[in-house]
């Protein structure tokens, strides 16, 4: 498994509450949900960049 780096995240409490709820709905931790969402958007960005470069 890849090494993970810890860092502090300042986030709007309302957004955090929504992410916590969403994470619970999908049986993930809050941290896992944030990581999942970031990975999804990075994958989309890579696909868009590849299309642009083609």
PDB file of N, CA and C in Angstrom:
ATOM      1  N   UNK A   1       0.842  -1.183   0.000  1.00  0.00           N
ATOM      2  CA  UNK A   1       0.000   0.000   0.000  1.00  0.00           C
ATOM      3  C   UNK A   1       0.885   1.245   0.000  1.00  0.00           C
ATOM      4  N   UNK A   2       0.447   2.257  -0.710  1.00  0.00           N
ATOM      5  CA  UNK A   2       1.214   3.502  -0.796  1.00  0.00           C
ATOM      6  C   UNK A   2       1.238   4.214   0.558  1.00  0.00           C
ATOM      7  N   UNK A   3       2.363   4.833   0.830  1.00  0.00           N
ATOM      8  CA  UNK A   3       2.487   5.606   2.062  1.00  0.00           C
ATOM      9  C   UNK A   3       1.574   6.818   1.978  1.00  0.00           C
ATOM     10  N   UNK A   4       0.957   7.172   3.087  1.00  0.00           N
ATOM     11  CA  UNK A   4       0.052   8.313   3.118  1.00  0.00           C
ATOM     12  C   UNK A   4       0.650   9.409   3.968  1.00  0.00           C
ATOM     13  N   UNK A   5       0.402  10.636   3.556  1.00  0.00           N
ATOM     14  CA  UNK A   5       0.922  11.793   4.268  1.00  0.00           C
ATOM     15  C   UNK A   5      -0.234  12.479   4.975  1.00  0.00           C
ATOM     16  N   UNK A   6      -0.057  12.768   6.236  1.00  0.00           N
ATOM     17  CA  UNK A   6      -1.081  13.463   7.015  1.00  0.00           C
ATOM     18  C   UNK A   6      -0.919  14.973   6.850  1.00  0.00           C
ATOM     19  N   UNK A   7      -2.056  15.672   6.825  1.00  0.00           N
ATOM     20  CA  UNK A   7      -2.017  17.131   6.792  1.00  0.00           C
ATOM     21  C   UNK A   7      -3.307  17.670   7.392  1.00  0.00           C
ATOM     22  N   UNK A   8      -3.255  18.915   7.791  1.00  0.00           N
ATOM     23  CA  UNK A   8      -4.423  19.560   8.392  1.00  0.00           C
ATOM     24  C   UNK A   8      -5.291  20.142   7.292  1.00  0.00           C
ATOM     25  N   UNK A   9      -6.580  19.943   7.409  1.00  0.00           N
ATOM     26  CA  UNK A   9      -7.532  20.466   6.433  1.00  0.00           C
ATOM     27  C   UNK A   9      -8.508  21.390   7.141  1.00  0.00           C
ATOM     28  N   UNK A  10      -8.558  22.619   6.693  1.00  0.00           N
ATOM     29  CA  UNK A  10      -9.567  23.550   7.207  1.00  0.00           C
ATOM     30  C   UNK A  10     -10.737  23.481   6.247  1.00  0.00           C
ATOM     31  N   UNK A  11     -11.922  23.229   6.777  1.00  0.00           N
ATOM     32  CA  UNK A  11     -13.097  23.039   5.928  1.00  0.00           C
ATOM     33  C   UNK A  11     -14.321  23.641   6.602  1.00  0.00           C
ATOM     34  N   UNK A  12     -15.191  24.145   5.786  1.00  0.00           N
ATOM     35  CA  UNK A  12     -16.447  24.710   6.260  1.00  0.00           C
ATOM     36  C   UNK A  12     -17.227  23.615   7.007  1.00  0.00           C
ATOM     37  N   UNK A  13     -17.715  23.899   8.213  1.00  0.00           N
ATOM     38  CA  UNK A  13     -18.423  22.876   8.997  1.00  0.00           C
ATOM     39  C   UNK A  13     -19.653  22.287   8.286  1.00  0.00           C
ATOM     40  N   UNK A  14     -20.325  23.092   7.484  1.00  0.00           N
ATOM     41  CA  UNK A  14     -21.504  22.581   6.756  1.00  0.00           C
ATOM     42  C   UNK A  14     -21.086  21.575   5.690  1.00  0.00           C
ATOM     43  N   UNK A  15     -19.985  21.867   4.999  1.00  0.00           N
ATOM     44  CA  UNK A  15     -19.476  20.936   3.996  1.00  0.00           C
ATOM     45  C   UNK A  15     -19.019  19.650   4.663  1.00  0.00           C
ATOM     46  N   UNK A  16     -18.324  19.783   5.775  1.00  0.00           N
ATOM     47  CA  UNK A  16     -17.858  18.602   6.493  1.00  0.00           C
ATOM     48  C   UNK A  16     -19.021  17.723   6.920  1.00  0.00           C
ATOM     49  N   UNK A  17     -20.082  18.318   7.419  1.00  0.00           N
ATOM     50  CA  UNK A  17     -21.257  17.552   7.842  1.00  0.00           C
ATOM     51  C   UNK A  17     -21.839  16.769   6.663  1.00  0.00           C
ATOM     52  N   UNK A  18     -21.917  17.408   5.502  1.00  0.00           N
ATOM     53  CA  UNK A  18     -22.435  16.718   4.310  1.00  0.00           C
ATOM     54  C   UNK A  18     -21.528  15.568   3.897  1.00  0.00           C
ATOM     55  N   UNK A  19     -20.219  15.791   3.961  1.00  0.00           N
ATOM     56  CA  UNK A  19     -19.278  14.724   3.608  1.00  0.00           C
ATOM     57  C   UNK A  19     -19.371  13.579   4.602  1.00  0.00           C
ATOM     58  N   UNK A  20     -19.520  13.889   5.883  1.00  0.00           N
ATOM     59  CA  UNK A  20     -19.673  12.838   6.898  1.00  0.00           C
ATOM     60  C   UNK A  20     -20.926  12.007   6.639  1.00  0.00           C
ATOM     61  N   UNK A  21     -22.013  12.668   6.291  1.00  0.00           N
ATOM     62  CA  UNK A  21     -23.267  11.962   5.994  1.00  0.00           C
ATOM     63  C   UNK A  21     -23.106  11.086   4.755  1.00  0.00           C
ATOM     64  N   UNK A  22     -22.513  11.650   3.718  1.00  0.00           N
ATOM     65  CA  UNK A  22     -22.283  10.923   2.473  1.00  0.00           C
ATOM     66  C   UNK A  22     -21.382   9.720   2.731  1.00  0.00           C
ATOM     67  N   UNK A  23     -20.335   9.913   3.504  1.00  0.00           N
ATOM     68  CA  UNK A  23     -19.419   8.821   3.829  1.00  0.00           C
ATOM     69  C   UNK A  23     -20.161   7.692   4.549  1.00  0.00           C
ATOM     70  N   UNK A  24     -20.988   8.035   5.501  1.00  0.00           N
ATOM     71  CA  UNK A  24     -21.753   7.019   6.235  1.00  0.00           C
ATOM     72  C   UNK A  24     -22.678   6.263   5.290  1.00  0.00           C
ATOM     73  N   UNK A  25     -23.295   6.965   4.347  1.00  0.00           N
ATOM     74  CA  UNK A  25     -24.183   6.321   3.361  1.00  0.00           C
ATOM     75  C   UNK A  25     -23.433   5.304   2.511  1.00  0.00           C
ATOM     76  N   UNK A  26     -22.151   5.564   2.268  1.00  0.00           N
ATOM     77  CA  UNK A  26     -21.346   4.688   1.411  1.00  0.00           C
ATOM     78  C   UNK A  26     -20.387   3.805   2.211  1.00  0.00           C
ATOM     79  N   UNK A  27     -20.600   3.741   3.530  1.00  0.00           N
ATOM     80  CA  UNK A  27     -19.802   2.886   4.421  1.00  0.00           C
ATOM     81  C   UNK A  27     -18.303   3.188   4.331  1.00  0.00           C
ATOM     82  N   UNK A  28     -17.979   4.482   4.308  1.00  0.00           N
ATOM     83  CA  UNK A  28     -16.592   4.932   4.316  1.00  0.00           C
ATOM     84  C   UNK A  28     -16.374   5.836   5.518  1.00  0.00           C
ATOM     85  N   UNK A  29     -15.126   5.988   5.904  1.00  0.00           N
ATOM     86  CA  UNK A  29     -14.788   6.998   6.908  1.00  0.00           C
ATOM     87  C   UNK A  29     -14.846   8.361   6.223  1.00  0.00           C
ATOM     88  N   UNK A  30     -14.886   9.402   7.014  1.00  0.00           N
ATOM     89  CA  UNK A  30     -14.874  10.754   6.447  1.00  0.00           C
ATOM     90  C   UNK A  30     -13.595  10.960   5.647  1.00  0.00           C
ATOM     91  N   UNK A  31     -12.469  10.569   6.218  1.00  0.00           N
ATOM     92  CA  UNK A  31     -11.203  10.696   5.516  1.00  0.00           C
ATOM     93  C   UNK A  31     -11.223   9.885   4.212  1.00  0.00           C
ATOM     94  N   UNK A  32     -11.743   8.675   4.275  1.00  0.00           N
ATOM     95  CA  UNK A  32     -11.833   7.834   3.088  1.00  0.00           C
ATOM     96  C   UNK A  32     -12.707   8.454   2.015  1.00  0.00           C
ATOM     97  N   UNK A  33     -13.788   9.109   2.427  1.00  0.00           N
ATOM     98  CA  UNK A  33     -14.690   9.742   1.472  1.00  0.00           C
ATOM     99  C   UNK A  33     -14.003  10.929   0.794  1.00  0.00           C
ATOM    100  N   UNK A  34     -13.295  11.733   1.566  1.00  0.00           N
ATOM    101  CA  UNK A  34     -12.581  12.874   0.985  1.00  0.00           C
ATOM    102  C   UNK A  34     -11.530  12.385   0.002  1.00  0.00           C
ATOM    103  N   UNK A  35     -10.792  11.344   0.389  1.00  0.00           N
ATOM    104  CA  UNK A  35      -9.772  10.785  -0.496  1.00  0.00           C
ATOM    105  C   UNK A  35     -10.420  10.216  -1.767  1.00  0.00           C
ATOM    106  N   UNK A  36     -11.542   9.524  -1.615  1.00  0.00           N
ATOM    107  CA  UNK A  36     -12.263   8.967  -2.766  1.00  0.00           C
ATOM    108  C   UNK A  36     -12.703  10.077  -3.722  1.00  0.00           C
ATOM    109  N   UNK A  37     -13.281  11.140  -3.179  1.00  0.00           N
ATOM    110  CA  UNK A  37     -13.752  12.243  -4.016  1.00  0.00           C
ATOM    111  C   UNK A  37     -12.598  12.926  -4.746  1.00  0.00           C
ATOM    112  N   UNK A  38     -11.502  13.141  -4.041  1.00  0.00           N
ATOM    113  CA  UNK A  38     -10.339  13.742  -4.686  1.00  0.00           C
ATOM    114  C   UNK A  38      -9.808  12.847  -5.805  1.00  0.00           C
ATOM    115  N   UNK A  39      -9.757  11.537  -5.563  1.00  0.00           N
ATOM    116  CA  UNK A  39      -9.271  10.610  -6.587  1.00  0.00           C
ATOM    117  C   UNK A  39     -10.173  10.624  -7.813  1.00  0.00           C
ATOM    118  N   UNK A  40     -11.487  10.681  -7.602  1.00  0.00           N
ATOM    119  CA  UNK A  40     -12.425  10.717  -8.723  1.00  0.00           C
ATOM    120  C   UNK A  40     -12.215  11.961  -9.590  1.00  0.00           C
ATOM    121  N   UNK A  41     -12.080  13.121  -8.966  1.00  0.00           N
ATOM    122  CA  UNK A  41     -11.913  14.345  -9.734  1.00  0.00           C
ATOM    123  C   UNK A  41     -10.556  14.380 -10.429  1.00  0.00           C
ATOM    124  N   UNK A  42      -9.524  13.825  -9.792  1.00  0.00           N
ATOM    125  CA  UNK A  42      -8.217  13.759 -10.453  1.00  0.00           C
ATOM    126  C   UNK A  42      -8.263  12.830 -11.668  1.00  0.00           C
ATOM    127  N   UNK A  43      -8.973  11.720 -11.556  1.00  0.00           N
ATOM    128  CA  UNK A  43      -9.128  10.811 -12.705  1.00  0.00           C
ATOM    129  C   UNK A  43      -9.849  11.508 -13.848  1.00  0.00           C
ATOM    130  N   UNK A  44     -10.901  12.261 -13.541  1.00  0.00           N
ATOM    131  CA  UNK A  44     -11.637  13.006 -14.573  1.00  0.00           C
ATOM    132  C   UNK A  44     -10.733  14.044 -15.235  1.00  0.00           C
ATOM    133  N   UNK A  45      -9.931  14.707 -14.430  1.00  0.00           N
ATOM    134  CA  UNK A  45      -9.020  15.729 -14.951  1.00  0.00           C
ATOM    135  C   UNK A  45      -7.994  15.099 -15.891  1.00  0.00           C
ATOM    136  N   UNK A  46      -7.472  13.939 -15.524  1.00  0.00           N
ATOM    137  CA  UNK A  46      -6.498  13.242 -16.387  1.00  0.00           C
ATOM    138  C   UNK A  46      -7.144  12.860 -17.716  1.00  0.00           C
ATOM    139  N   UNK A  47      -8.370  12.357 -17.668  1.00  0.00           N
ATOM    140  CA  UNK A  47      -9.081  11.966 -18.903  1.00  0.00           C
ATOM    141  C   UNK A  47      -9.283  13.182 -19.794  1.00  0.00           C
ATOM    142  N   UNK A  48      -9.703  14.299 -19.201  1.00  0.00           N
ATOM    143  CA  UNK A  48      -9.932  15.526 -19.967  1.00  0.00           C
ATOM    144  C   UNK A  48      -8.628  16.023 -20.597  1.00  0.00           C
ATOM    145  N   UNK A  49      -7.540  15.916 -19.849  1.00  0.00           N
ATOM    146  CA  UNK A  49      -6.246  16.348 -20.357  1.00  0.00           C
ATOM    147  C   UNK A  49      -5.808  15.465 -21.527  1.00  0.00           C
ATOM    148  N   UNK A  50      -6.047  14.145 -21.411  1.00  0.00           N
ATOM    149  CA  UNK A  50      -5.685  13.235 -22.506  1.00  0.00           C
ATOM    150  C   UNK A  50      -6.480  13.544 -23.765  1.00  0.00           C
ATOM    151  N   UNK A  51      -7.787  13.826 -23.594  1.00  0.00           N
ATOM    152  CA  UNK A  51      -8.616  14.181 -24.744  1.00  0.00           C
ATOM    153  C   UNK A  51      -8.114  15.453 -25.403  1.00  0.00           C
ATOM    154  N   UNK A  52      -7.740  16.410 -24.582  1.00  0.00           N
ATOM    155  CA  UNK A  52      -7.250  17.697 -25.081  1.00  0.00           C
ATOM    156  C   UNK A  52      -5.942  17.511 -25.848  1.00  0.00           C
ATOM    157  N   UNK A  53      -5.071  16.639 -25.364  1.00  0.00           N
ATOM    158  CA  UNK A  53      -3.790  16.400 -25.987  1.00  0.00           C
ATOM    159  C   UNK A  53      -3.898  15.553 -27.260  1.00  0.00           C
ATOM    160  N   UNK A  54      -5.005  14.846 -27.426  1.00  0.00           N
ATOM    161  CA  UNK A  54      -5.163  13.967 -28.599  1.00  0.00           C
ATOM    162  C   UNK A  54      -5.581  14.729 -29.835  1.00  0.00           C
TER     163      UNK A  54
END
